[in-house]
C-alpha atoms as a PDB file:
ATOM      1  CA  UNK A   1      11.691 -40.396   0.772  1.00  0.00           C
ATOM      2  CA  UNK A   2      15.379 -41.031   1.458  1.00  0.00           C
ATOM      3  CA  UNK A   3      14.888 -44.755   0.883  1.00  0.00           C
ATOM      4  CA  UNK A   4      13.121 -44.129  -2.434  1.00  0.00           C
ATOM      5  CA  UNK A   5      15.902 -41.769  -3.549  1.00  0.00           C
ATOM      6  CA  UNK A   6      18.553 -44.314  -2.607  1.00  0.00           C
ATOM      7  CA  UNK A   7      16.655 -47.068  -4.399  1.00  0.00           C
ATOM      8  CA  UNK A   8      16.281 -44.904  -7.499  1.00  0.00           C
ATOM      9  CA  UNK A   9      20.033 -44.249  -7.524  1.00  0.00           C
ATOM     10  CA  UNK A  10      20.946 -47.943  -7.354  1.00  0.00           C
ATOM     11  CA  UNK A  11      18.107 -49.742  -9.134  1.00  0.00           C
ATOM     12  CA  UNK A  12      18.771 -50.782 -12.726  1.00  0.00           C
ATOM     13  CA  UNK A  13      15.949 -49.377 -14.886  1.00  0.00           C
ATOM     14  CA  UNK A  14      14.983 -52.845 -16.146  1.00  0.00           C
ATOM     15  CA  UNK A  15      14.526 -54.152 -12.582  1.00  0.00           C
ATOM     16  CA  UNK A  16      11.261 -52.227 -12.203  1.00  0.00           C
ATOM     17  CA  UNK A  17       9.597 -53.649 -15.310  1.00  0.00           C
ATOM     18  CA  UNK A  18       6.485 -55.666 -14.510  1.00  0.00           C
ATOM     19  CA  UNK A  19       6.568 -54.753 -10.814  1.00  0.00           C
ATOM     20  CA  UNK A  20       4.328 -52.727  -8.523  1.00  0.00           C
ATOM     21  CA  UNK A  21       5.775 -50.085  -6.188  1.00  0.00           C
ATOM     22  CA  UNK A  22       3.980 -49.244  -2.935  1.00  0.00           C
ATOM     23  CA  UNK A  23       4.858 -45.812  -1.529  1.00  0.00           C
ATOM     24  CA  UNK A  24       3.966 -44.107   1.725  1.00  0.00           C
ATOM     25  CA  UNK A  25       3.466 -40.707   0.037  1.00  0.00           C
ATOM     26  CA  UNK A  26       3.536 -38.871  -3.281  1.00  0.00           C
ATOM     27  CA  UNK A  27       6.894 -37.366  -2.240  1.00  0.00           C
ATOM     28  CA  UNK A  28       8.330 -40.838  -1.675  1.00  0.00           C
ATOM     29  CA  UNK A  29       7.019 -41.955  -5.066  1.00  0.00           C
ATOM     30  CA  UNK A  30       8.538 -39.031  -6.985  1.00  0.00           C
ATOM     31  CA  UNK A  31      12.061 -40.526  -7.383  1.00  0.00           C
ATOM     32  CA  UNK A  32      10.527 -43.761  -8.705  1.00  0.00           C
ATOM     33  CA  UNK A  33       8.411 -42.150 -11.462  1.00  0.00           C
ATOM     34  CA  UNK A  34      11.124 -42.392 -14.169  1.00  0.00           C
ATOM     35  CA  UNK A  35      11.211 -46.180 -13.767  1.00  0.00           C
ATOM     36  CA  UNK A  36       9.062 -48.647 -15.673  1.00  0.00           C
ATOM     37  CA  UNK A  37       6.898 -49.875 -12.777  1.00  0.00           C
ATOM     38  CA  UNK A  38       3.626 -51.434 -13.919  1.00  0.00           C
ATOM     39  CA  UNK A  39       1.935 -49.394 -11.212  1.00  0.00           C
ATOM     40  CA  UNK A  40       2.933 -47.056  -8.391  1.00  0.00           C
ATOM     41  CA  UNK A  41       0.440 -47.148  -5.532  1.00  0.00           C
ATOM     42  CA  UNK A  42       0.324 -44.410  -2.914  1.00  0.00           C
ATOM     43  CA  UNK A  43      -0.938 -45.215   0.585  1.00  0.00           C
ATOM     44  CA  UNK A  44      -4.040 -43.256   1.634  1.00  0.00           C
ATOM     45  CA  UNK A  45      -2.278 -42.248   4.874  1.00  0.00           C
ATOM     46  CA  UNK A  46       1.356 -42.371   5.982  1.00  0.00           C
ATOM     47  CA  UNK A  47       0.966 -45.375   8.253  1.00  0.00           C
ATOM     48  CA  UNK A  48       1.315 -49.148   8.274  1.00  0.00           C
ATOM     49  CA  UNK A  49      -2.399 -50.013   7.869  1.00  0.00           C
ATOM     50  CA  UNK A  50      -2.628 -47.782   4.788  1.00  0.00           C
ATOM     51  CA  UNK A  51       0.541 -49.303   3.315  1.00  0.00           C
ATOM     52  CA  UNK A  52      -0.846 -52.815   3.805  1.00  0.00           C
ATOM     53  CA  UNK A  53      -4.144 -51.738   2.271  1.00  0.00           C
ATOM     54  CA  UNK A  54      -2.283 -50.299  -0.732  1.00  0.00           C
ATOM     55  CA  UNK A  55      -0.774 -53.729  -1.340  1.00  0.00           C
ATOM     56  CA  UNK A  56      -4.258 -55.084  -2.033  1.00  0.00           C
ATOM     57  CA  UNK A  57      -4.553 -57.319  -5.062  1.00  0.00           C
ATOM     58  CA  UNK A  58      -2.526 -56.521  -8.184  1.00  0.00           C
ATOM     59  CA  UNK A  59      -4.414 -55.027 -11.100  1.00  0.00           C
ATOM     60  CA  UNK A  60      -2.496 -57.322 -13.452  1.00  0.00           C
ATOM     61  CA  UNK A  61      -0.569 -60.571 -13.027  1.00  0.00           C
ATOM     62  CA  UNK A  62       2.819 -59.900 -11.485  1.00  0.00           C
END
């Protein structure tokens, strides 16, 4: 969550456009919601295998 908050503080709003964010939890995703990400994916569990699974294939061309 701290990383997401730091990223949200420093990331220009336009930098998120057309990109997919992968988050370890809903709490970690919360600071990123105001941005214009094409999609924010939440891992099914807070672990590496779930994060890799969340990467999957993009729903739209990136």
